[in-house]
């Protein structure tokens, strides 16, 4: 017997967001595993998907800030993605003191697989609730992101990451 999931009016927004994120994450991980990309670590989906949307190359420092994890954890994640063939690390051509990361051919292929899985979820969502509901949800989520950006944050050193 399938477990009954709580309805949207029985859950708080933060729980709904977590479950919604898991829907996308599970679909992407399954598609990646089926395509032979089953070795992408936690947070790797964000890195690969984000790089695919940002002209495939970003400064390592920006990636660390966006992941909101410690420099050490981000460095380990990047090292693992480089070792597994998804990323390439290089010196920034504008500032030789900085490193950039970019997707390799393997990373680009994984990003395309991930994007296709995300689009399948988006299509199913559109069929279930319609474009107007999606548009309202996007406005709501953008406002929530703005609220978060305005909130004071602990430095990663203060969090103990």
C-alpha atoms as a PDB file:
ATOM      1  CA  UNK A   1       0.000   0.000   0.000  1.00  0.00           C
ATOM      2  CA  UNK A   2       1.408   3.433  -0.958  1.00  0.00           C
ATOM      3  CA  UNK A   3       2.107   5.849   1.836  1.00  0.00           C
ATOM      4  CA  UNK A   4      -0.268   8.828   1.864  1.00  0.00           C
ATOM      5  CA  UNK A   5       1.597  12.073   1.418  1.00  0.00           C
ATOM      6  CA  UNK A   6       0.338  15.111   3.324  1.00  0.00           C
ATOM      7  CA  UNK A   7      -1.532  17.652   1.218  1.00  0.00           C
ATOM      8  CA  UNK A   8      -0.078  21.096   0.579  1.00  0.00           C
ATOM      9  CA  UNK A   9      -2.309  22.660   3.239  1.00  0.00           C
ATOM     10  CA  UNK A  10      -0.976  20.188   5.833  1.00  0.00           C
ATOM     11  CA  UNK A  11       2.691  21.150   5.338  1.00  0.00           C
ATOM     12  CA  UNK A  12       4.682  24.301   5.993  1.00  0.00           C
ATOM     13  CA  UNK A  13       6.425  26.035   3.101  1.00  0.00           C
ATOM     14  CA  UNK A  14       9.916  24.893   4.072  1.00  0.00           C
ATOM     15  CA  UNK A  15       8.832  21.232   4.061  1.00  0.00           C
ATOM     16  CA  UNK A  16       7.112  21.662   0.695  1.00  0.00           C
ATOM     17  CA  UNK A  17      10.280  23.189  -0.739  1.00  0.00           C
ATOM     18  CA  UNK A  18      12.424  20.338   0.572  1.00  0.00           C
ATOM     19  CA  UNK A  19      10.116  17.694  -0.904  1.00  0.00           C
ATOM     20  CA  UNK A  20       9.847  19.559  -4.213  1.00  0.00           C
ATOM     21  CA  UNK A  21      13.631  19.805  -4.414  1.00  0.00           C
ATOM     22  CA  UNK A  22      13.855  16.078  -3.754  1.00  0.00           C
ATOM     23  CA  UNK A  23      11.481  15.422  -6.680  1.00  0.00           C
ATOM     24  CA  UNK A  24      13.859  17.176  -9.058  1.00  0.00           C
ATOM     25  CA  UNK A  25      16.963  15.702  -7.446  1.00  0.00           C
ATOM     26  CA  UNK A  26      15.654  12.127  -7.564  1.00  0.00           C
ATOM     27  CA  UNK A  27      14.593  12.435 -11.198  1.00  0.00           C
ATOM     28  CA  UNK A  28      17.962  13.881 -12.178  1.00  0.00           C
ATOM     29  CA  UNK A  29      19.971  11.304 -10.225  1.00  0.00           C
ATOM     30  CA  UNK A  30      17.966   8.445 -11.768  1.00  0.00           C
ATOM     31  CA  UNK A  31      18.446   9.796 -15.297  1.00  0.00           C
ATOM     32  CA  UNK A  32      22.159  10.330 -14.670  1.00  0.00           C
ATOM     33  CA  UNK A  33      22.591   6.827 -13.246  1.00  0.00           C
ATOM     34  CA  UNK A  34      20.759   5.294 -16.217  1.00  0.00           C
ATOM     35  CA  UNK A  35      23.091   7.196 -18.570  1.00  0.00           C
ATOM     36  CA  UNK A  36      26.214   6.002 -16.745  1.00  0.00           C
ATOM     37  CA  UNK A  37      26.839   9.085 -14.607  1.00  0.00           C
ATOM     38  CA  UNK A  38      26.228   7.414 -11.258  1.00  0.00           C
ATOM     39  CA  UNK A  39      29.374   8.773  -9.608  1.00  0.00           C
ATOM     40  CA  UNK A  40      28.325  12.409  -9.170  1.00  0.00           C
ATOM     41  CA  UNK A  41      28.661  13.375  -5.486  1.00  0.00           C
ATOM     42  CA  UNK A  42      26.250  15.341  -3.337  1.00  0.00           C
ATOM     43  CA  UNK A  43      26.135  18.980  -4.493  1.00  0.00           C
ATOM     44  CA  UNK A  44      27.569  17.786  -7.806  1.00  0.00           C
ATOM     45  CA  UNK A  45      24.189  18.255  -9.486  1.00  0.00           C
ATOM     46  CA  UNK A  46      24.235  21.923  -8.501  1.00  0.00           C
ATOM     47  CA  UNK A  47      27.776  22.423  -9.782  1.00  0.00           C
ATOM     48  CA  UNK A  48      27.225  20.664 -13.106  1.00  0.00           C
ATOM     49  CA  UNK A  49      23.788  22.203 -13.711  1.00  0.00           C
ATOM     50  CA  UNK A  50      24.944  25.657 -12.654  1.00  0.00           C
ATOM     51  CA  UNK A  51      28.017  25.571 -14.869  1.00  0.00           C
ATOM     52  CA  UNK A  52      25.886  24.488 -17.819  1.00  0.00           C
ATOM     53  CA  UNK A  53      23.804  27.644 -17.364  1.00  0.00           C
ATOM     54  CA  UNK A  54      26.774  30.000 -16.860  1.00  0.00           C
ATOM     55  CA  UNK A  55      28.724  29.662 -20.104  1.00  0.00           C
ATOM     56  CA  UNK A  56      30.435  26.560 -18.671  1.00  0.00           C
ATOM     57  CA  UNK A  57      33.184  28.411 -16.725  1.00  0.00           C
ATOM     58  CA  UNK A  58      33.117  30.264 -13.383  1.00  0.00           C
ATOM     59  CA  UNK A  59      35.680  31.394 -10.833  1.00  0.00           C
ATOM     60  CA  UNK A  60      36.243  28.827  -8.100  1.00  0.00           C
ATOM     61  CA  UNK A  61      35.621  31.496  -5.425  1.00  0.00           C
ATOM     62  CA  UNK A  62      32.177  32.234  -6.867  1.00  0.00           C
ATOM     63  CA  UNK A  63      31.334  28.534  -6.869  1.00  0.00           C
ATOM     64  CA  UNK A  64      32.332  28.270  -3.201  1.00  0.00           C
ATOM     65  CA  UNK A  65      30.137  31.253  -2.279  1.00  0.00           C
ATOM     66  CA  UNK A  66      27.149  29.895  -4.209  1.00  0.00           C
ATOM     67  CA  UNK A  67      27.414  26.424  -2.692  1.00  0.00           C
ATOM     68  CA  UNK A  68      27.451  27.968   0.797  1.00  0.00           C
ATOM     69  CA  UNK A  69      29.755  25.253   2.068  1.00  0.00           C
ATOM     70  CA  UNK A  70      33.244  25.578   3.501  1.00  0.00           C
ATOM     71  CA  UNK A  71      36.213  26.199   1.208  1.00  0.00           C
ATOM     72  CA  UNK A  72      37.558  22.808   2.206  1.00  0.00           C
ATOM     73  CA  UNK A  73      34.306  20.993   1.330  1.00  0.00           C
ATOM     74  CA  UNK A  74      34.009  22.893  -1.972  1.00  0.00           C
ATOM     75  CA  UNK A  75      37.625  22.090  -2.792  1.00  0.00           C
ATOM     76  CA  UNK A  76      37.010  18.405  -2.116  1.00  0.00           C
ATOM     77  CA  UNK A  77      33.875  18.462  -4.274  1.00  0.00           C
ATOM     78  CA  UNK A  78      35.717  20.126  -7.154  1.00  0.00           C
ATOM     79  CA  UNK A  79      38.640  17.712  -6.767  1.00  0.00           C
ATOM     80  CA  UNK A  80      36.248  14.763  -6.961  1.00  0.00           C
ATOM     81  CA  UNK A  81      34.455  16.162 -10.027  1.00  0.00           C
ATOM     82  CA  UNK A  82      37.822  16.808 -11.708  1.00  0.00           C
ATOM     83  CA  UNK A  83      39.056  13.318 -10.842  1.00  0.00           C
ATOM     84  CA  UNK A  84      35.858  11.747 -12.226  1.00  0.00           C
ATOM     85  CA  UNK A  85      36.137  13.705 -15.457  1.00  0.00           C
ATOM     86  CA  UNK A  86      33.258  16.188 -15.095  1.00  0.00           C
ATOM     87  CA  UNK A  87      35.269  19.368 -14.489  1.00  0.00           C
ATOM     88  CA  UNK A  88      38.506  20.923 -15.541  1.00  0.00           C
ATOM     89  CA  UNK A  89      40.296  23.414 -13.317  1.00  0.00           C
ATOM     90  CA  UNK A  90      42.448  26.158 -14.840  1.00  0.00           C
ATOM     91  CA  UNK A  91      44.083  29.485 -14.046  1.00  0.00           C
ATOM     92  CA  UNK A  92      41.883  32.524 -14.745  1.00  0.00           C
ATOM     93  CA  UNK A  93      43.207  34.275 -17.860  1.00  0.00           C
ATOM     94  CA  UNK A  94      42.307  37.684 -16.363  1.00  0.00           C
ATOM     95  CA  UNK A  95      43.873  37.104 -12.932  1.00  0.00           C
ATOM     96  CA  UNK A  96      46.504  34.393 -12.656  1.00  0.00           C
ATOM     97  CA  UNK A  97      46.000  34.206  -8.858  1.00  0.00           C
ATOM     98  CA  UNK A  98      42.485  32.827  -9.343  1.00  0.00           C
ATOM     99  CA  UNK A  99      41.265  29.436 -10.499  1.00  0.00           C
ATOM    100  CA  UNK A 100      38.257  28.753 -12.684  1.00  0.00           C
ATOM    101  CA  UNK A 101      36.339  25.545 -13.240  1.00  0.00           C
ATOM    102  CA  UNK A 102      34.630  24.453 -16.421  1.00  0.00           C
ATOM    103  CA  UNK A 103      32.713  21.444 -17.682  1.00  0.00           C
ATOM    104  CA  UNK A 104      34.522  18.793 -19.696  1.00  0.00           C
ATOM    105  CA  UNK A 105      32.843  16.858 -22.506  1.00  0.00           C
ATOM    106  CA  UNK A 106      31.714  14.323 -19.884  1.00  0.00           C
ATOM    107  CA  UNK A 107      30.397  17.183 -17.723  1.00  0.00           C
ATOM    108  CA  UNK A 108      28.498  18.690 -20.654  1.00  0.00           C
ATOM    109  CA  UNK A 109      26.913  15.315 -21.442  1.00  0.00           C
ATOM    110  CA  UNK A 110      25.907  14.857 -17.789  1.00  0.00           C
ATOM    111  CA  UNK A 111      24.495  18.395 -17.745  1.00  0.00           C
ATOM    112  CA  UNK A 112      22.378  17.628 -20.823  1.00  0.00           C
ATOM    113  CA  UNK A 113      21.055  14.457 -19.161  1.00  0.00           C
ATOM    114  CA  UNK A 114      20.289  16.397 -15.995  1.00  0.00           C
ATOM    115  CA  UNK A 115      18.510  19.150 -17.969  1.00  0.00           C
ATOM    116  CA  UNK A 116      16.367  16.614 -19.824  1.00  0.00           C
ATOM    117  CA  UNK A 117      15.242  15.078 -16.513  1.00  0.00           C
ATOM    118  CA  UNK A 118      14.433  18.536 -15.136  1.00  0.00           C
ATOM    119  CA  UNK A 119      12.410  19.335 -18.267  1.00  0.00           C
ATOM    120  CA  UNK A 120      10.415  16.096 -17.876  1.00  0.00           C
ATOM    121  CA  UNK A 121       9.448  17.119 -14.326  1.00  0.00           C
ATOM    122  CA  UNK A 122       8.640  20.649 -15.557  1.00  0.00           C
ATOM    123  CA  UNK A 123       6.379  19.222 -18.297  1.00  0.00           C
ATOM    124  CA  UNK A 124       4.546  16.958 -15.884  1.00  0.00           C
ATOM    125  CA  UNK A 125       4.109  19.863 -13.476  1.00  0.00           C
ATOM    126  CA  UNK A 126       2.740  22.053 -16.268  1.00  0.00           C
ATOM    127  CA  UNK A 127       0.240  19.334 -17.192  1.00  0.00           C
ATOM    128  CA  UNK A 128      -0.916  19.037 -13.582  1.00  0.00           C
ATOM    129  CA  UNK A 129      -1.232  22.685 -12.499  1.00  0.00           C
ATOM    130  CA  UNK A 130      -1.022  24.909 -15.597  1.00  0.00           C
ATOM    131  CA  UNK A 131       1.210  27.825 -16.548  1.00  0.00           C
ATOM    132  CA  UNK A 132      -0.536  30.401 -14.354  1.00  0.00           C
ATOM    133  CA  UNK A 133       0.137  28.393 -11.190  1.00  0.00           C
ATOM    134  CA  UNK A 134       3.756  27.866 -12.210  1.00  0.00           C
ATOM    135  CA  UNK A 135       4.160  31.601 -12.850  1.00  0.00           C
ATOM    136  CA  UNK A 136       2.733  32.409  -9.400  1.00  0.00           C
ATOM    137  CA  UNK A 137       5.026  29.849  -7.796  1.00  0.00           C
ATOM    138  CA  UNK A 138       8.058  31.353  -9.545  1.00  0.00           C
ATOM    139  CA  UNK A 139       7.131  34.832  -8.288  1.00  0.00           C
ATOM    140  CA  UNK A 140       6.727  33.449  -4.763  1.00  0.00           C
ATOM    141  CA  UNK A 141      10.044  31.601  -4.863  1.00  0.00           C
ATOM    142  CA  UNK A 142      11.857  34.662  -6.245  1.00  0.00           C
ATOM    143  CA  UNK A 143      10.442  36.734  -3.354  1.00  0.00           C
ATOM    144  CA  UNK A 144      11.583  34.083  -0.894  1.00  0.00           C
ATOM    145  CA  UNK A 145      15.083  34.176  -2.401  1.00  0.00           C
ATOM    146  CA  UNK A 146      15.112  37.981  -2.068  1.00  0.00           C
ATOM    147  CA  UNK A 147      14.123  37.682   1.602  1.00  0.00           C
ATOM    148  CA  UNK A 148      16.994  35.246   2.112  1.00  0.00           C
ATOM    149  CA  UNK A 149      19.462  37.576   0.418  1.00  0.00           C
ATOM    150  CA  UNK A 150      18.420  40.389   2.768  1.00  0.00           C
ATOM    151  CA  UNK A 151      18.841  38.273   5.925  1.00  0.00           C
ATOM    152  CA  UNK A 152      22.092  38.425   7.879  1.00  0.00           C
ATOM    153  CA  UNK A 153      24.133  35.232   7.565  1.00  0.00           C
ATOM    154  CA  UNK A 154      26.749  33.588   9.648  1.00  0.00           C
ATOM    155  CA  UNK A 155      30.163  33.412   8.065  1.00  0.00           C
ATOM    156  CA  UNK A 156      31.186  29.865   7.205  1.00  0.00           C
ATOM    157  CA  UNK A 157      33.810  30.092   9.961  1.00  0.00           C
ATOM    158  CA  UNK A 158      31.101  31.005  12.485  1.00  0.00           C
ATOM    159  CA  UNK A 159      28.934  28.065  11.377  1.00  0.00           C
ATOM    160  CA  UNK A 160      31.741  25.632  11.991  1.00  0.00           C
ATOM    161  CA  UNK A 161      31.572  24.112   8.469  1.00  0.00           C
END
